[in-house]
Amino acid sequence: MPGMPRKAALALAASLATACTGRPDSGANDDASKETTLTFWHAWSAPSEVKAVRDLVAGFEKAHPHIRVDVVGNMTDDKINQALRAGGGKAPDVISSFTTNSVGKFCSSGALVDLDPFFEKSGVDPAKTFPKAMNEYTRFEGNRCAVPLLGDAYGLYYNKTAFEKAGVTAPPKTWSQFERVAKKLTIHQGDTFEQLGFMPNYHGWETTTEHYLGQFSPTYFDKDGKSNVGKDPAFEKAFRMQKRLVDTLGGYRKLETYRSGLGDEWGPKHPFHTGQVAMQLDGEWRLGMALATKPEFEIGVAPLPVPDDQADQYGKGYITGTIAGIAATSEKQNAAWELVKYMTTDTDAVVNFSNAIHNVPSTLQALKSPKLKYDPRFKTFLEIAANPNSTTAPASVNGGVYLTTIQQFGYDYESGKATDLKAGLRRTAEQIDTDIAQAK
């Protein structure tokens, strides 16, 4: 799922109302052993991905010949939202979204049913089935209204040729090491760069605040649901680290000028592909995209660095992914559960889908399956996904609005517009609390 969560919508356009979607347990009285047809909406659109979804569903239909599945692709969260609110014969029974930030809205509104009773009935323990971070981002306030369906893990890509020229023998494991390596790899050329060790700016490619923060394991909200951004020292440490990188590598203005002339994130001229940037924070999909451009250097892959005082947790990373759920308006919820259970917990189904989509498998068994086919470097992302110290951004009732608020402050702080970090983080927390209160 290249680009999520930042490239997907950060929040659903409108609040879902329980009155519109029905009770979370409505419609769970159907007989899943009877002939029936389900409607499944998903967001994939590339031909190879659409085929992979159809193959996944075909496997389900072979195992459940009495259940037929109508598959509809290229569905955005807005379209899913509208259908879940409206219900009716054309509405989906099962949905899949790229946006984990939507989980809080889906769960709190009753748009998707709580899946815990289905897991219990099937004898499946989610805590033993899914990686810890994935298990966390499919729940909100005790309601498990979603389930992981493949994932994304973020790590560090590096130019091995540039490393050798600079005398760097191994990827950095802590942020202080990273700063030294990035500086060593940076070659200034007047007002620009011949080569930049790393693009730290928040407007860069995947260098968002939540991806940096993931390595600091922050607690976004306290036990009362209030923003912890102004209290947890992890936030201050992460912001100061990124600002040091910006200042060390040439300053905000010089870096932004350089960045504006580089290739875009999804084209072949991505600056990591071309060697203009020597290290890159990115998801597992970048490996295939970079190799397809036939770069003139060898690509290395490693976990992202961790804070110096968390060196023993090196190997963790930020995790996100696709989610699946059952519509509360569906009158075929038991049959829908059979489809969801197959797609998300059947090891061979998850492995085959991962092989086709080139995303990280979303069960612990699939992560270590011998049937996985991947470039040896891809194993780094499998290990990050399985690492119990890996983190994610928690669900919120108003989706990813709080992440946007944090990111906005990041823009102000790195550019020098905001100079008092502690006060800025406190104001950011206040804004997050206000937004959440208004969304309830």
Protein backbone atom coordinates (compact mmCIF):
# COMPACT_ATOMS: atom_id res chain seq x y z
CA MET A 1 0.00 0.00 0.00
CA PRO A 2 2.50 2.61 -1.04
CA GLY A 3 1.99 5.99 0.53
CA MET A 4 -0.24 5.21 3.42
CA PRO A 5 -1.10 6.55 5.74
CA ARG A 6 -0.03 10.00 4.54
CA LYS A 7 -1.04 9.48 0.93
CA ALA A 8 -4.45 8.12 1.90
CA ALA A 9 -7.11 10.37 3.39
CA LEU A 10 -6.17 11.10 7.00
CA ALA A 11 -9.77 11.18 8.17
CA LEU A 12 -13.17 10.29 6.87
CA ALA A 13 -15.11 13.24 5.52
CA ALA A 14 -18.03 13.03 7.90
CA SER A 15 -18.84 11.42 11.22
CA LEU A 16 -20.67 8.16 10.99
CA ALA A 17 -23.81 7.91 13.07
CA THR A 18 -24.88 4.72 14.81
CA ALA A 19 -28.45 5.52 13.93
CA CYS A 20 -27.53 5.34 10.25
CA THR A 21 -25.53 2.15 10.43
CA GLY A 22 -27.62 0.02 12.76
CA ARG A 23 -26.62 -1.89 15.86
CA PRO A 24 -23.13 -3.46 15.81
CA ASP A 25 -24.72 -6.89 16.32
CA SER A 26 -27.50 -6.48 13.75
CA GLY A 27 -27.73 -9.02 10.96
CA ALA A 28 -25.56 -11.67 12.64
CA ASN A 29 -28.34 -14.25 12.44
CA ASP A 30 -27.71 -15.55 8.93
CA ASP A 31 -26.80 -19.16 8.27
CA ALA A 32 -23.27 -19.14 6.85
CA SER A 33 -23.72 -22.68 5.52
CA LYS A 34 -26.47 -21.62 3.11
CA GLU A 35 -26.04 -20.37 -0.48
CA THR A 36 -25.39 -16.64 -0.42
CA THR A 37 -23.61 -13.79 -2.20
CA LEU A 38 -21.38 -11.26 -0.43
CA THR A 39 -20.21 -7.88 -1.70
CA PHE A 40 -16.59 -6.97 -0.93
CA TRP A 41 -15.22 -3.46 -1.50
CA HIS A 42 -11.48 -2.80 -1.53
CA ALA A 43 -9.16 0.08 -2.43
CA TRP A 44 -6.58 -1.58 -4.71
CA SER A 45 -6.55 -0.30 -8.29
CA ALA A 46 -3.34 -1.39 -10.08
CA PRO A 47 -4.03 -4.32 -12.46
CA SER A 48 -1.60 -6.67 -10.67
CA GLU A 49 -3.14 -5.80 -7.30
CA VAL A 50 -6.71 -6.21 -8.54
CA LYS A 51 -5.76 -9.65 -9.89
CA ALA A 52 -4.20 -10.55 -6.53
CA VAL A 53 -7.43 -9.65 -4.73
CA ARG A 54 -9.48 -11.72 -7.19
CA ASP A 55 -7.12 -14.67 -6.68
CA LEU A 56 -7.48 -14.28 -2.91
CA VAL A 57 -11.27 -14.32 -3.20
CA ALA A 58 -11.16 -17.25 -5.63
CA GLY A 59 -9.31 -19.24 -2.98
CA PHE A 60 -12.06 -18.43 -0.51
CA GLU A 61 -14.82 -19.42 -2.94
CA LYS A 62 -13.07 -22.73 -3.61
CA ALA A 63 -12.98 -23.43 0.14
CA HIS A 64 -16.58 -22.17 0.55
CA PRO A 65 -18.37 -23.14 -2.71
CA HIS A 66 -21.76 -22.04 -1.34
CA ILE A 67 -20.60 -18.43 -0.86
CA ARG A 68 -20.12 -16.21 -3.91
CA VAL A 69 -18.27 -12.89 -3.59
CA ASP A 70 -18.84 -9.85 -5.79
CA VAL A 71 -15.61 -7.84 -5.70
CA VAL A 72 -15.53 -4.08 -6.27
CA GLY A 73 -12.14 -2.34 -6.38
CA ASN A 74 -10.72 1.18 -6.30
CA MET A 75 -13.02 2.23 -3.46
CA THR A 76 -11.96 5.30 -1.48
CA ASP A 77 -12.75 5.83 2.20
CA ASP A 78 -15.27 8.50 1.24
CA LYS A 79 -17.19 6.04 -0.94
CA ILE A 80 -17.00 3.36 1.75
CA ASN A 81 -18.18 5.86 4.36
CA GLN A 82 -21.20 6.86 2.30
CA ALA A 83 -22.16 3.24 1.61
CA LEU A 84 -21.84 2.22 5.25
CA ARG A 85 -24.09 5.08 6.29
CA ALA A 86 -26.67 4.46 3.58
CA GLY A 87 -26.90 0.66 3.76
CA GLY A 88 -29.22 -1.03 1.32
CA GLY A 89 -28.86 -3.85 -1.16
CA LYS A 90 -25.90 -2.31 -2.99
CA ALA A 91 -23.86 -1.59 0.15
CA PRO A 92 -20.83 -3.79 0.89
CA ASP A 93 -20.92 -6.63 3.39
CA VAL A 94 -17.13 -6.55 3.80
CA ILE A 95 -14.82 -3.58 3.30
CA SER A 96 -11.09 -3.04 3.16
CA SER A 97 -9.39 0.32 3.69
CA PHE A 98 -5.81 1.51 3.35
CA THR A 99 -6.37 4.04 6.12
CA THR A 100 -5.78 2.72 9.62
CA ASN A 101 -6.56 6.26 10.82
CA SER A 102 -10.22 5.54 10.05
CA VAL A 103 -10.47 2.79 12.67
CA GLY A 104 -11.49 5.15 15.49
CA LYS A 105 -14.42 6.48 13.46
CA PHE A 106 -15.45 3.07 12.18
CA CYS A 107 -15.45 1.62 15.71
CA SER A 108 -16.98 4.52 17.66
CA SER A 109 -19.83 5.05 15.19
CA GLY A 110 -20.87 1.42 14.90
CA ALA A 111 -20.25 1.46 11.15
CA LEU A 112 -18.34 -1.81 11.43
CA VAL A 113 -19.25 -4.61 13.82
CA ASP A 114 -17.15 -5.61 16.80
CA LEU A 115 -15.25 -8.69 15.67
CA ASP A 116 -14.29 -10.00 19.13
CA PRO A 117 -17.43 -12.20 19.40
CA PHE A 118 -16.61 -13.70 15.99
CA PHE A 119 -13.01 -14.40 17.01
CA GLU A 120 -14.19 -16.01 20.23
CA LYS A 121 -16.76 -18.15 18.44
CA SER A 122 -14.08 -19.30 15.97
CA GLY A 123 -11.52 -20.01 18.69
CA VAL A 124 -9.01 -17.55 17.21
CA ASP A 125 -6.91 -15.46 19.62
CA PRO A 126 -5.98 -12.15 17.92
CA ALA A 127 -3.10 -11.55 20.36
CA LYS A 128 -1.49 -14.82 19.25
CA THR A 129 -2.43 -14.39 15.60
CA PHE A 130 -1.35 -10.85 14.66
CA PRO A 131 1.82 -8.83 15.33
CA LYS A 132 1.43 -6.55 18.35
CA ALA A 133 1.32 -3.21 16.49
CA MET A 134 -1.18 -4.53 13.92
CA ASN A 135 -3.32 -5.91 16.70
CA GLU A 136 -3.34 -2.46 18.30
CA TYR A 137 -4.33 -0.41 15.26
CA THR A 138 -7.45 -2.47 14.60
CA ARG A 139 -9.04 -1.57 17.99
CA PHE A 140 -10.53 1.54 19.56
CA GLU A 141 -11.70 1.86 23.14
CA GLY A 142 -12.14 -1.88 23.53
CA ASN A 143 -13.93 -2.37 20.21
CA ARG A 144 -12.15 -4.55 17.66
CA CYS A 145 -14.06 -3.43 14.57
CA ALA A 146 -11.26 -4.21 12.12
CA VAL A 147 -8.65 -6.85 11.40
CA PRO A 148 -5.23 -6.54 9.68
CA LEU A 149 -5.01 -7.45 5.99
CA LEU A 150 -1.33 -7.17 5.03
CA GLY A 151 0.84 -4.44 6.48
CA ASP A 152 3.55 -1.87 5.88
CA ALA A 153 6.77 -1.65 7.87
CA TYR A 154 9.14 1.31 7.69
CA GLY A 155 12.90 0.95 7.63
CA LEU A 156 16.08 2.51 6.27
CA TYR A 157 17.35 2.18 2.70
CA TYR A 158 20.97 3.10 2.04
CA ASN A 159 23.33 3.44 -0.90
CA LYS A 160 26.10 0.89 -0.29
CA THR A 161 28.36 2.48 -2.90
CA ALA A 162 28.09 5.88 -1.20
CA PHE A 163 28.75 4.22 2.14
CA GLU A 164 31.96 2.62 0.84
CA LYS A 165 33.21 5.90 -0.66
CA ALA A 166 32.59 7.66 2.65
CA GLY A 167 34.24 4.90 4.67
CA VAL A 168 31.00 3.91 6.42
CA THR A 169 31.02 0.18 7.11
CA ALA A 170 27.55 -0.45 8.53
CA PRO A 171 24.12 1.24 8.75
CA PRO A 172 23.73 3.41 11.86
CA LYS A 173 21.78 1.95 14.76
CA THR A 174 21.18 5.03 16.92
CA TRP A 175 20.15 8.55 15.97
CA SER A 176 23.48 10.04 17.08
CA GLN A 177 25.28 7.57 14.80
CA PHE A 178 22.79 8.40 12.06
CA GLU A 179 23.51 12.12 12.33
CA ARG A 180 27.26 11.51 11.95
CA VAL A 181 26.77 9.16 8.98
CA ALA A 182 24.31 11.50 7.23
CA LYS A 183 26.79 14.37 7.60
CA LYS A 184 29.63 12.21 6.29
CA LEU A 185 27.59 11.22 3.25
CA THR A 186 26.63 14.82 2.43
CA ILE A 187 28.67 16.52 -0.29
CA HIS A 188 27.99 20.26 -0.54
CA GLN A 189 28.25 21.99 -3.90
CA GLY A 190 27.95 25.74 -3.41
CA ASP A 191 24.35 26.58 -2.55
CA THR A 192 23.20 23.05 -3.25
CA PHE A 193 24.40 19.46 -2.87
CA GLU A 194 26.25 17.03 -5.06
CA GLN A 195 24.90 14.34 -2.73
CA LEU A 196 22.72 14.63 0.36
CA GLY A 197 23.16 12.06 3.10
CA PHE A 198 19.50 12.16 4.09
CA MET A 199 16.51 14.44 3.53
CA PRO A 200 15.20 15.07 7.08
CA ASN A 201 12.51 17.66 6.29
CA TYR A 202 8.91 16.77 7.09
CA HIS A 203 7.90 17.61 3.51
CA GLY A 204 10.31 14.92 2.34
CA TRP A 205 9.45 11.42 1.17
CA GLU A 206 7.85 9.52 4.08
CA THR A 207 9.77 11.57 6.66
CA THR A 208 6.57 12.40 8.52
CA THR A 209 6.37 13.14 12.22
CA GLU A 210 4.64 9.83 13.01
CA HIS A 211 7.33 7.82 11.20
CA TYR A 212 10.10 9.53 13.17
CA LEU A 213 8.09 9.29 16.40
CA GLY A 214 7.57 5.58 15.93
CA GLN A 215 11.23 5.00 16.82
CA PHE A 216 10.77 6.85 20.13
CA SER A 217 7.75 4.74 21.23
CA PRO A 218 5.65 7.69 22.45
CA THR A 219 2.35 7.47 24.31
CA TYR A 220 0.02 9.67 22.24
CA PHE A 221 -2.87 9.69 24.72
CA ASP A 222 -3.08 9.26 28.50
CA LYS A 223 -5.50 6.90 30.27
CA ASP A 224 -8.22 9.56 30.14
CA GLY A 225 -7.89 9.98 26.39
CA LYS A 226 -6.15 13.36 26.61
CA SER A 227 -3.25 14.22 24.32
CA ASN A 228 0.13 13.39 25.82
CA VAL A 229 2.10 15.38 23.24
CA GLY A 230 3.03 18.11 25.73
CA LYS A 231 3.90 15.68 28.54
CA ASP A 232 5.64 12.59 27.18
CA PRO A 233 9.35 13.48 26.75
CA ALA A 234 9.50 11.17 23.70
CA PHE A 235 7.85 13.88 21.60
CA GLU A 236 10.35 16.57 22.58
CA LYS A 237 13.26 14.19 21.97
CA ALA A 238 11.99 13.26 18.50
CA PHE A 239 11.43 16.89 17.46
CA ARG A 240 14.87 17.96 18.71
CA MET A 241 16.55 15.06 16.92
CA GLN A 242 14.91 15.93 13.59
CA LYS A 243 15.72 19.65 14.00
CA ARG A 244 19.38 18.79 14.67
CA LEU A 245 19.45 16.80 11.44
CA VAL A 246 17.97 19.73 9.52
CA ASP A 247 20.52 22.17 10.95
CA THR A 248 23.47 19.78 10.60
CA LEU A 249 22.79 18.88 6.97
CA GLY A 250 22.58 22.43 5.62
CA GLY A 251 19.63 24.19 7.23
CA TYR A 252 15.95 24.26 6.39
CA ARG A 253 16.09 26.72 3.49
CA LYS A 254 18.96 25.03 1.67
CA LEU A 255 17.37 21.60 2.12
CA GLU A 256 13.97 22.78 0.89
CA THR A 257 15.54 24.42 -2.17
CA TYR A 258 17.31 21.17 -2.99
CA ARG A 259 14.20 19.08 -2.34
CA SER A 260 12.06 21.21 -4.67
CA GLY A 261 14.24 20.23 -7.61
CA LEU A 262 14.22 16.48 -6.98
CA GLY A 263 11.97 13.77 -8.39
CA ASP A 264 8.62 12.84 -6.91
CA GLU A 265 7.99 9.94 -4.54
CA TRP A 266 6.33 7.59 -7.00
CA GLY A 267 8.29 8.21 -10.19
CA PRO A 268 11.51 6.58 -11.40
CA LYS A 269 13.45 9.78 -10.58
CA HIS A 270 12.95 9.42 -6.83
CA PRO A 271 16.18 10.94 -5.40
CA PHE A 272 17.18 7.70 -3.69
CA HIS A 273 16.92 5.83 -7.01
CA THR A 274 19.13 8.43 -8.70
CA GLY A 275 21.72 8.60 -5.93
CA GLN A 276 20.99 12.24 -5.08
CA VAL A 277 20.04 11.16 -1.55
CA ALA A 278 22.14 8.42 0.06
CA MET A 279 19.73 7.24 2.78
CA GLN A 280 15.96 7.01 2.74
CA LEU A 281 13.25 6.35 5.35
CA ASP A 282 10.60 4.30 3.55
CA GLY A 283 8.28 1.31 3.51
CA GLU A 284 8.88 -2.18 2.20
CA TRP A 285 7.42 -1.33 -1.23
CA ARG A 286 10.37 0.98 -2.01
CA LEU A 287 12.72 -1.96 -2.58
CA GLY A 288 10.88 -3.24 -5.65
CA MET A 289 10.33 0.28 -6.99
CA ALA A 290 14.00 1.14 -6.61
CA LEU A 291 15.24 -2.10 -8.15
CA ALA A 292 12.94 -1.57 -11.14
CA THR A 293 14.86 1.58 -12.05
CA LYS A 294 18.13 -0.41 -12.23
CA PRO A 295 20.13 1.94 -9.96
CA GLU A 296 23.88 2.28 -10.46
CA PHE A 297 24.60 1.20 -6.88
CA GLU A 298 23.80 -1.65 -4.51
CA ILE A 299 20.86 -1.06 -2.18
CA GLY A 300 21.14 -1.88 1.51
CA VAL A 301 18.20 -2.27 3.88
CA ALA A 302 18.20 -1.97 7.67
CA PRO A 303 15.88 -0.99 10.51
CA LEU A 304 15.60 2.71 11.29
CA PRO A 305 17.83 4.01 14.09
CA VAL A 306 16.53 4.26 17.65
CA PRO A 307 17.25 6.83 20.39
CA ASP A 308 20.58 6.27 22.08
CA ASP A 309 18.89 5.37 25.37
CA GLN A 310 16.81 2.70 23.56
CA ALA A 311 19.72 1.02 21.77
CA ASP A 312 18.56 -2.37 23.02
CA GLN A 313 15.36 -1.94 20.97
CA TYR A 314 17.16 -1.56 17.65
CA GLY A 315 15.19 -3.52 15.07
CA LYS A 316 11.80 -1.99 15.74
CA GLY A 317 9.94 0.25 13.32
CA TYR A 318 6.69 2.03 12.52
CA ILE A 319 3.88 -0.28 11.36
CA THR A 320 0.67 0.44 9.52
CA GLY A 321 -1.39 -1.44 6.97
CA THR A 322 -4.66 -2.31 5.32
CA ILE A 323 -7.68 -3.19 7.45
CA ALA A 324 -10.80 -5.24 6.78
CA GLY A 325 -14.16 -5.18 8.52
CA ILE A 326 -17.80 -6.22 8.36
CA ALA A 327 -20.51 -3.61 7.72
CA ALA A 328 -23.04 -3.22 10.52
CA THR A 329 -25.75 -2.86 7.86
CA SER A 330 -24.96 -6.28 6.40
CA GLU A 331 -27.60 -8.97 6.87
CA LYS A 332 -25.02 -11.66 6.12
CA GLN A 333 -22.51 -11.05 8.90
CA ASN A 334 -21.81 -14.70 9.69
CA ALA A 335 -21.02 -15.41 6.04
CA ALA A 336 -19.04 -12.16 5.89
CA TRP A 337 -17.00 -13.34 8.87
CA GLU A 338 -16.05 -16.50 6.98
CA LEU A 339 -14.60 -14.30 4.21
CA VAL A 340 -12.81 -11.97 6.66
CA LYS A 341 -11.45 -14.90 8.67
CA TYR A 342 -10.11 -16.58 5.53
CA MET A 343 -8.48 -13.47 4.08
CA THR A 344 -6.84 -12.42 7.35
CA THR A 345 -6.04 -15.61 9.32
CA ASP A 346 -5.54 -18.43 6.79
CA THR A 347 -1.75 -18.66 6.59
CA ASP A 348 -1.52 -19.78 2.97
CA ALA A 349 -4.04 -17.14 1.86
CA VAL A 350 -2.12 -14.38 3.64
CA VAL A 351 1.22 -15.63 2.27
CA ASN A 352 -0.04 -15.87 -1.32
CA PHE A 353 -1.57 -12.40 -1.11
CA SER A 354 1.67 -11.01 0.33
CA ASN A 355 3.70 -12.62 -2.46
CA ALA A 356 1.41 -11.03 -5.05
CA ILE A 357 1.06 -7.56 -3.50
CA HIS A 358 4.61 -7.33 -2.09
CA ASN A 359 3.44 -6.07 1.28
CA VAL A 360 4.25 -7.49 4.70
CA PRO A 361 2.16 -10.49 5.84
CA SER A 362 -0.18 -9.68 8.71
CA THR A 363 -0.09 -12.83 10.85
CA LEU A 364 2.77 -14.17 12.95
CA GLN A 365 2.56 -17.55 11.20
CA ALA A 366 2.65 -16.01 7.73
CA LEU A 367 5.66 -13.87 8.64
CA LYS A 368 7.74 -17.02 9.13
CA SER A 369 6.19 -19.15 6.39
CA PRO A 370 8.69 -20.96 4.11
CA LYS A 371 6.28 -20.24 1.24
CA LEU A 372 7.06 -16.52 1.29
CA LYS A 373 8.91 -15.38 -1.83
CA TYR A 374 11.04 -12.28 -1.44
CA ASP A 375 14.34 -10.58 -2.06
CA PRO A 376 16.64 -11.42 0.91
CA ARG A 377 16.64 -7.73 1.85
CA PHE A 378 12.87 -7.85 2.32
CA LYS A 379 13.42 -10.01 5.41
CA THR A 380 14.33 -6.86 7.32
CA PHE A 381 10.71 -5.69 7.03
CA LEU A 382 9.36 -9.08 8.08
CA GLU A 383 11.49 -8.85 11.22
CA ILE A 384 10.37 -5.26 11.91
CA ALA A 385 6.73 -6.33 11.61
CA ALA A 386 7.21 -9.23 14.02
CA ASN A 387 9.21 -7.15 16.53
CA PRO A 388 7.08 -6.62 19.69
CA ASN A 389 8.73 -3.22 20.20
CA SER A 390 7.48 -1.92 16.84
CA THR A 391 4.88 0.82 17.13
CA THR A 392 1.92 2.39 15.40
CA ALA A 393 -0.25 5.49 15.78
CA PRO A 394 -3.35 4.80 17.91
CA ALA A 395 -6.90 5.15 16.65
CA SER A 396 -8.83 8.34 17.40
CA VAL A 397 -12.50 9.24 17.16
CA ASN A 398 -11.72 11.87 14.50
CA GLY A 399 -9.35 9.72 12.49
CA GLY A 400 -5.87 11.07 11.76
CA VAL A 401 -6.64 14.70 12.56
CA TYR A 402 -4.33 14.61 15.59
CA LEU A 403 -1.46 13.40 13.39
CA THR A 404 -2.06 16.27 10.99
CA THR A 405 -1.96 18.70 13.93
CA ILE A 406 1.37 17.29 15.12
CA GLN A 407 2.78 17.38 11.60
CA GLN A 408 1.71 21.01 11.17
CA PHE A 409 3.62 21.96 14.28
CA GLY A 410 6.57 20.04 12.85
CA TYR A 411 6.55 22.26 9.78
CA ASP A 412 6.57 25.35 11.98
CA TYR A 413 9.33 24.07 14.24
CA GLU A 414 11.76 22.83 11.58
CA SER A 415 11.41 26.05 9.59
CA GLY A 416 12.06 28.28 12.60
CA LYS A 417 8.56 29.76 12.62
CA ALA A 418 8.05 28.19 16.06
CA THR A 419 11.03 28.45 18.42
CA ASP A 420 9.69 27.41 21.85
CA LEU A 421 9.38 23.62 21.52
CA LYS A 422 7.86 22.92 24.92
CA ALA A 423 5.21 25.63 24.55
CA GLY A 424 4.47 24.54 21.00
CA LEU A 425 3.94 20.94 22.04
CA ARG A 426 1.59 22.06 24.83
CA ARG A 427 -0.44 24.14 22.39
CA THR A 428 -0.50 21.21 19.96
CA ALA A 429 -1.88 18.96 22.71
CA GLU A 430 -4.57 21.51 23.54
CA GLN A 431 -5.62 21.70 19.90
CA ILE A 432 -5.79 17.89 19.66
CA ASP A 433 -8.00 17.73 22.77
CA THR A 434 -10.28 20.45 21.39
CA ASP A 435 -10.66 18.70 18.04
CA ILE A 436 -11.45 15.35 19.66
CA ALA A 437 -14.02 16.92 22.01
CA GLN A 438 -15.77 18.53 19.03
CA ALA A 439 -15.82 15.23 17.13
CA LYS A 440 -17.61 13.31 19.89
